[in-house]
């Protein structure tokens, strides 16, 4: 039987027994003090736009919000990463609940923006909460697709598992590692089916021994999923990868369960990973050119 140890990001003989699972990475540790105030970076000084070039439509980053200050700190860190990639693009953050500014406080002055929801799945928040909040604010802003599924999310998951100390670049390591992809869980069966599809794609395209799903607020639990992986003779090492954007109650619950169940590796949440910043910009670009995207899709289907 494989010896089980406390999940960690960097193993060491000096690591205390059952340490608190590490939740973040460099870009979040600095943010976990006083959370920055949500803000909009001023648009660069106006320059004449070349003829035929469409105006840049501001990006409104829509997050759920949380009472945990790490949530807003993570959203702002991601917004800063987006600004680093596209300095000319005005980026504003707004929240559905708990954090400021709320959507109603922001959208009246962003009539030409494109909203990008910071959601991994098209579930209740995407289908109902965000449209309702925009309607209540009297806004008809276009809303981009949710972030998932996307190969960039798989790249971000790989990045976070590497930070846990797992050698994800080694095909032999992947071939003996079983991963629990742990999401929040949804009452929408279609959303949970999408998460399972992400797990299947991650296994097929990256060469893991197994990838199964678990949920922080529903069944199967992390404990159940780890037990199932250990019953698979191909699995020698286990890892838990939170499919969540920011630290908070649910990621903490996942970390506690992973430690108690003896997972070998526990990845941090996705956070302000570079892949997430690129994915947000891709969703913004797609929504800014719906006609072109439709034509491209139609051409691809008929080719």
Protein backbone atom coordinates (compact mmCIF):
# COMPACT_ATOMS: atom_id res chain seq x y z
CA UNK A 1 0.00 0.00 0.00
CA UNK A 2 1.27 3.45 -0.86
CA UNK A 3 2.29 5.49 2.15
CA UNK A 4 -0.05 8.47 2.58
CA UNK A 5 1.21 11.81 3.75
CA UNK A 6 -0.30 15.17 4.37
CA UNK A 7 -1.01 16.99 1.08
CA UNK A 8 1.53 19.68 0.52
CA UNK A 9 2.97 22.00 -2.04
CA UNK A 10 6.61 21.42 -1.18
CA UNK A 11 7.54 18.33 0.79
CA UNK A 12 10.11 18.52 3.53
CA UNK A 13 11.18 16.36 6.44
CA UNK A 14 10.85 19.50 8.53
CA UNK A 15 7.20 20.01 7.58
CA UNK A 16 5.03 19.91 10.73
CA UNK A 17 2.65 16.99 11.01
CA UNK A 18 -0.76 17.86 9.51
CA UNK A 19 0.09 21.48 8.63
CA UNK A 20 -2.67 23.82 7.50
CA UNK A 21 -3.08 23.31 3.75
CA UNK A 22 -1.55 26.10 1.74
CA UNK A 23 -4.22 28.05 -0.11
CA UNK A 24 -2.45 30.55 -2.30
CA UNK A 25 0.59 31.41 -4.30
CA UNK A 26 2.84 34.40 -4.65
CA UNK A 27 0.41 36.78 -6.29
CA UNK A 28 -2.13 36.15 -3.52
CA UNK A 29 0.05 36.15 -0.44
CA UNK A 30 0.78 39.83 -0.79
CA UNK A 31 -2.92 40.48 -1.22
CA UNK A 32 -4.11 38.67 1.88
CA UNK A 33 -3.56 41.64 4.17
CA UNK A 34 -5.77 44.63 3.61
CA UNK A 35 -7.71 43.86 0.42
CA UNK A 36 -7.31 46.50 -2.26
CA UNK A 37 -10.30 48.63 -3.09
CA UNK A 38 -11.91 47.72 -6.40
CA UNK A 39 -10.97 50.30 -8.95
CA UNK A 40 -10.75 51.19 -12.58
CA UNK A 41 -7.44 52.11 -14.10
CA UNK A 42 -7.80 55.42 -15.97
CA UNK A 43 -7.87 55.13 -19.73
CA UNK A 44 -4.52 56.13 -21.28
CA UNK A 45 -4.26 59.59 -22.79
CA UNK A 46 -6.40 59.85 -25.90
CA UNK A 47 -4.67 59.26 -29.16
CA UNK A 48 -6.28 59.46 -32.61
CA UNK A 49 -7.47 56.04 -33.67
CA UNK A 50 -6.34 54.81 -37.09
CA UNK A 51 -9.07 54.74 -39.72
CA UNK A 52 -11.00 51.47 -39.78
CA UNK A 53 -9.92 50.40 -36.29
CA UNK A 54 -12.83 49.68 -33.96
CA UNK A 55 -12.86 51.45 -30.59
CA UNK A 56 -11.69 49.48 -27.56
CA UNK A 57 -14.70 48.41 -25.52
CA UNK A 58 -14.02 48.46 -21.76
CA UNK A 59 -14.00 45.18 -19.86
CA UNK A 60 -16.30 44.79 -16.88
CA UNK A 61 -15.15 41.88 -14.74
CA UNK A 62 -18.16 40.43 -12.90
CA UNK A 63 -17.41 38.38 -9.78
CA UNK A 64 -19.75 36.80 -7.28
CA UNK A 65 -18.27 38.37 -4.16
CA UNK A 66 -17.62 36.93 -0.71
CA UNK A 67 -17.36 37.98 2.93
CA UNK A 68 -13.85 36.49 2.85
CA UNK A 69 -11.46 39.35 1.94
CA UNK A 70 -9.24 36.94 0.01
CA UNK A 71 -11.94 36.72 -2.66
CA UNK A 72 -11.87 40.41 -3.62
CA UNK A 73 -8.09 40.45 -3.31
CA UNK A 74 -7.89 37.62 -5.84
CA UNK A 75 -10.30 39.31 -8.25
CA UNK A 76 -8.28 42.52 -8.10
CA UNK A 77 -5.04 40.60 -8.62
CA UNK A 78 -6.57 39.02 -11.74
CA UNK A 79 -7.74 42.42 -12.95
CA UNK A 80 -4.20 43.75 -12.53
CA UNK A 81 -2.83 40.79 -14.51
CA UNK A 82 -5.26 41.61 -17.33
CA UNK A 83 -4.15 45.25 -17.31
CA UNK A 84 -0.55 44.12 -17.60
CA UNK A 85 -1.43 42.20 -20.76
CA UNK A 86 -3.62 44.94 -22.26
CA UNK A 87 -2.60 48.35 -20.85
CA UNK A 88 -4.86 50.18 -23.30
CA UNK A 89 -7.98 48.29 -22.16
CA UNK A 90 -10.01 49.88 -19.34
CA UNK A 91 -10.81 47.17 -16.78
CA UNK A 92 -13.40 47.58 -14.02
CA UNK A 93 -14.54 45.08 -11.40
CA UNK A 94 -18.02 44.69 -9.95
CA UNK A 95 -19.66 42.15 -7.66
CA UNK A 96 -23.02 40.45 -7.33
CA UNK A 97 -22.93 40.33 -3.55
CA UNK A 98 -20.92 41.02 -0.39
CA UNK A 99 -18.20 43.19 -1.99
CA UNK A 100 -18.12 46.70 -3.44
CA UNK A 101 -18.73 48.07 -5.92
CA UNK A 102 -21.95 46.26 -6.80
CA UNK A 103 -23.07 45.90 -10.39
CA UNK A 104 -25.70 48.64 -10.04
CA UNK A 105 -23.03 51.09 -8.91
CA UNK A 106 -20.84 50.52 -11.96
CA UNK A 107 -22.87 49.79 -15.08
CA UNK A 108 -24.55 53.21 -15.48
CA UNK A 109 -21.18 54.73 -16.41
CA UNK A 110 -20.04 51.81 -18.59
CA UNK A 111 -22.62 51.85 -21.35
CA UNK A 112 -20.16 50.61 -23.99
CA UNK A 113 -18.46 47.90 -21.90
CA UNK A 114 -18.49 44.14 -22.31
CA UNK A 115 -19.16 42.13 -19.16
CA UNK A 116 -17.09 39.00 -18.57
CA UNK A 117 -18.37 36.79 -15.73
CA UNK A 118 -15.73 35.22 -13.51
CA UNK A 119 -17.51 31.89 -13.52
CA UNK A 120 -16.12 28.52 -14.51
CA UNK A 121 -19.47 26.98 -15.40
CA UNK A 122 -22.76 28.07 -16.88
CA UNK A 123 -24.96 27.46 -13.86
CA UNK A 124 -27.42 29.52 -11.79
CA UNK A 125 -25.24 32.63 -11.40
CA UNK A 126 -24.61 32.83 -15.13
CA UNK A 127 -28.13 31.97 -16.22
CA UNK A 128 -30.10 33.98 -13.68
CA UNK A 129 -28.20 36.12 -11.15
CA UNK A 130 -26.04 38.16 -13.52
CA UNK A 131 -28.79 38.85 -16.10
CA UNK A 132 -31.16 39.81 -13.29
CA UNK A 133 -28.62 42.17 -11.71
CA UNK A 134 -27.97 43.86 -15.06
CA UNK A 135 -31.70 44.22 -15.76
CA UNK A 136 -32.28 45.69 -12.30
CA UNK A 137 -29.56 48.25 -13.03
CA UNK A 138 -31.23 49.15 -16.32
CA UNK A 139 -28.28 47.81 -18.29
CA UNK A 140 -28.24 45.95 -21.59
CA UNK A 141 -24.49 45.33 -21.66
CA UNK A 142 -23.42 42.28 -23.67
CA UNK A 143 -22.26 39.44 -21.46
CA UNK A 144 -19.46 37.16 -22.63
CA UNK A 145 -19.46 33.40 -22.19
CA UNK A 146 -18.33 31.94 -18.86
CA UNK A 147 -14.68 30.95 -18.63
CA UNK A 148 -15.07 27.20 -18.85
CA UNK A 149 -14.48 24.87 -20.42
CA UNK A 150 -11.19 25.88 -22.02
CA UNK A 151 -7.73 24.37 -22.61
CA UNK A 152 -6.37 27.43 -20.79
CA UNK A 153 -8.11 26.26 -17.63
CA UNK A 154 -6.40 22.89 -17.96
CA UNK A 155 -3.08 24.71 -18.30
CA UNK A 156 -3.87 26.68 -15.13
CA UNK A 157 -4.76 23.47 -13.28
CA UNK A 158 -1.45 21.96 -14.36
CA UNK A 159 0.36 25.08 -13.11
CA UNK A 160 -1.26 24.87 -9.69
CA UNK A 161 -0.56 21.15 -9.34
CA UNK A 162 3.09 21.83 -10.19
CA UNK A 163 3.14 24.33 -7.33
CA UNK A 164 2.04 21.54 -4.99
CA UNK A 165 5.31 19.74 -5.73
CA UNK A 166 3.96 17.31 -8.32
CA UNK A 167 6.22 16.90 -11.36
CA UNK A 168 3.50 17.45 -13.95
CA UNK A 169 6.07 17.73 -16.75
CA UNK A 170 7.03 14.06 -16.37
CA UNK A 171 4.73 11.73 -18.35
CA UNK A 172 5.62 8.84 -16.05
CA UNK A 173 4.46 10.83 -13.02
CA UNK A 174 1.20 11.71 -14.74
CA UNK A 175 0.65 8.07 -15.70
CA UNK A 176 0.65 6.98 -12.05
CA UNK A 177 -1.21 9.98 -10.56
CA UNK A 178 -4.94 10.13 -9.91
CA UNK A 179 -6.44 13.62 -9.57
CA UNK A 180 -9.62 14.78 -7.87
CA UNK A 181 -11.00 17.79 -9.72
CA UNK A 182 -13.01 19.46 -6.97
CA UNK A 183 -15.68 22.03 -7.84
CA UNK A 184 -18.23 23.83 -5.70
CA UNK A 185 -21.12 21.69 -6.95
CA UNK A 186 -24.34 22.91 -8.50
CA UNK A 187 -28.04 22.17 -8.40
CA UNK A 188 -27.91 22.36 -12.21
CA UNK A 189 -27.24 18.84 -13.60
CA UNK A 190 -25.88 20.31 -16.83
CA UNK A 191 -23.23 22.27 -14.92
CA UNK A 192 -22.09 19.17 -13.06
CA UNK A 193 -21.99 17.25 -16.33
CA UNK A 194 -19.74 19.95 -17.77
CA UNK A 195 -17.36 19.56 -14.82
CA UNK A 196 -17.22 15.81 -15.43
CA UNK A 197 -16.47 16.49 -19.09
CA UNK A 198 -13.62 18.79 -18.07
CA UNK A 199 -12.20 16.00 -15.90
CA UNK A 200 -12.44 13.51 -18.77
CA UNK A 201 -10.75 15.91 -21.18
CA UNK A 202 -7.99 16.67 -18.67
CA UNK A 203 -7.25 12.97 -18.25
CA UNK A 204 -7.36 12.20 -21.97
CA UNK A 205 -5.24 15.13 -23.13
CA UNK A 206 -2.68 15.22 -20.31
CA UNK A 207 -2.10 11.53 -19.60
CA UNK A 208 -3.21 11.26 -15.96
CA UNK A 209 -3.85 7.77 -14.59
CA UNK A 210 -7.32 8.94 -13.59
CA UNK A 211 -9.25 12.16 -13.03
CA UNK A 212 -12.47 12.06 -11.07
CA UNK A 213 -14.76 14.81 -9.79
CA UNK A 214 -15.83 15.79 -6.30
CA UNK A 215 -17.74 18.70 -4.84
CA UNK A 216 -17.25 20.90 -1.82
CA UNK A 217 -20.98 21.24 -1.15
CA UNK A 218 -22.41 18.03 -2.61
CA UNK A 219 -21.65 14.36 -3.28
CA UNK A 220 -19.32 12.79 -4.16
CA UNK A 221 -17.04 14.33 -1.58
CA UNK A 222 -13.26 14.65 -1.71
CA UNK A 223 -13.01 11.74 0.72
CA UNK A 224 -15.19 9.55 -1.51
CA UNK A 225 -13.23 10.49 -4.63
CA UNK A 226 -9.84 9.78 -3.04
CA UNK A 227 -11.08 6.37 -1.89
CA UNK A 228 -12.21 5.58 -5.43
CA UNK A 229 -8.83 6.59 -6.86
CA UNK A 230 -6.97 4.40 -4.40
CA UNK A 231 -9.02 1.43 -5.59
CA UNK A 232 -7.63 1.96 -9.09
CA UNK A 233 -4.49 -0.21 -9.55
CA UNK A 234 -3.01 2.36 -11.96
CA UNK A 235 -2.98 5.08 -9.29
CA UNK A 236 0.12 5.33 -7.11
CA UNK A 237 -0.13 9.00 -6.14
CA UNK A 238 -3.18 11.13 -5.40
CA UNK A 239 -3.72 14.86 -5.88
CA UNK A 240 -6.59 17.25 -5.27
CA UNK A 241 -7.05 20.17 -7.67
CA UNK A 242 -9.66 22.78 -6.65
CA UNK A 243 -11.64 23.92 -9.69
CA UNK A 244 -12.33 27.23 -8.00
CA UNK A 245 -11.21 30.77 -8.69
CA UNK A 246 -10.54 32.29 -5.27
CA UNK A 247 -9.85 31.33 -1.66
CA UNK A 248 -12.81 31.17 0.68
CA UNK A 249 -15.08 28.85 2.64
CA UNK A 250 -15.36 26.11 0.01
CA UNK A 251 -11.64 25.92 -0.82
CA UNK A 252 -10.90 25.80 2.91
CA UNK A 253 -13.37 22.93 3.22
CA UNK A 254 -11.64 21.11 0.35
CA UNK A 255 -8.23 21.63 1.98
CA UNK A 256 -9.45 20.27 5.32
CA UNK A 257 -10.98 17.19 3.69
CA UNK A 258 -7.87 16.58 1.57
CA UNK A 259 -5.63 16.68 4.63
CA UNK A 260 -7.91 14.41 6.64
CA UNK A 261 -8.11 11.90 3.79
CA UNK A 262 -4.34 11.86 3.28
CA UNK A 263 -4.08 13.18 -0.28
CA UNK A 264 -0.47 13.31 -1.45
CA UNK A 265 -0.80 16.71 -3.14
CA UNK A 266 -3.15 19.66 -2.73
CA UNK A 267 -3.06 22.41 -5.35
CA UNK A 268 -3.98 26.02 -4.64
CA UNK A 269 -7.06 27.57 -6.22
CA UNK A 270 -6.72 28.92 -9.75
CA UNK A 271 -6.45 32.52 -8.54
CA UNK A 272 -4.75 35.11 -10.74
CA UNK A 273 -2.99 32.55 -12.91
CA UNK A 274 -1.65 34.00 -16.19
CA UNK A 275 -3.84 31.56 -18.10
CA UNK A 276 -6.92 33.02 -16.41
CA UNK A 277 -5.98 36.54 -17.49
CA UNK A 278 -5.53 35.37 -21.08
CA UNK A 279 -8.84 33.51 -20.97
CA UNK A 280 -10.75 36.57 -19.72
CA UNK A 281 -9.30 38.60 -22.59
CA UNK A 282 -10.26 35.87 -25.06
CA UNK A 283 -13.87 35.91 -23.82
CA UNK A 284 -13.91 39.71 -24.07
CA UNK A 285 -12.63 39.57 -27.65
CA UNK A 286 -15.17 36.91 -28.65
CA UNK A 287 -18.05 38.96 -27.25
CA UNK A 288 -16.78 42.13 -28.93
CA UNK A 289 -17.01 40.49 -32.35
CA UNK A 290 -20.11 38.26 -32.24
CA UNK A 291 -20.72 38.47 -35.98
CA UNK A 292 -17.17 37.41 -36.80
CA UNK A 293 -17.29 34.60 -34.23
CA UNK A 294 -20.57 33.35 -35.68
CA UNK A 295 -19.18 33.37 -39.21
CA UNK A 296 -16.04 31.53 -38.08
CA UNK A 297 -18.07 28.88 -36.26
CA UNK A 298 -20.40 28.40 -39.22
CA UNK A 299 -17.44 28.05 -41.59
CA UNK A 300 -15.75 25.53 -39.30
CA UNK A 301 -18.91 23.42 -39.10
CA UNK A 302 -19.39 23.35 -42.86
CA UNK A 303 -15.73 22.81 -43.80
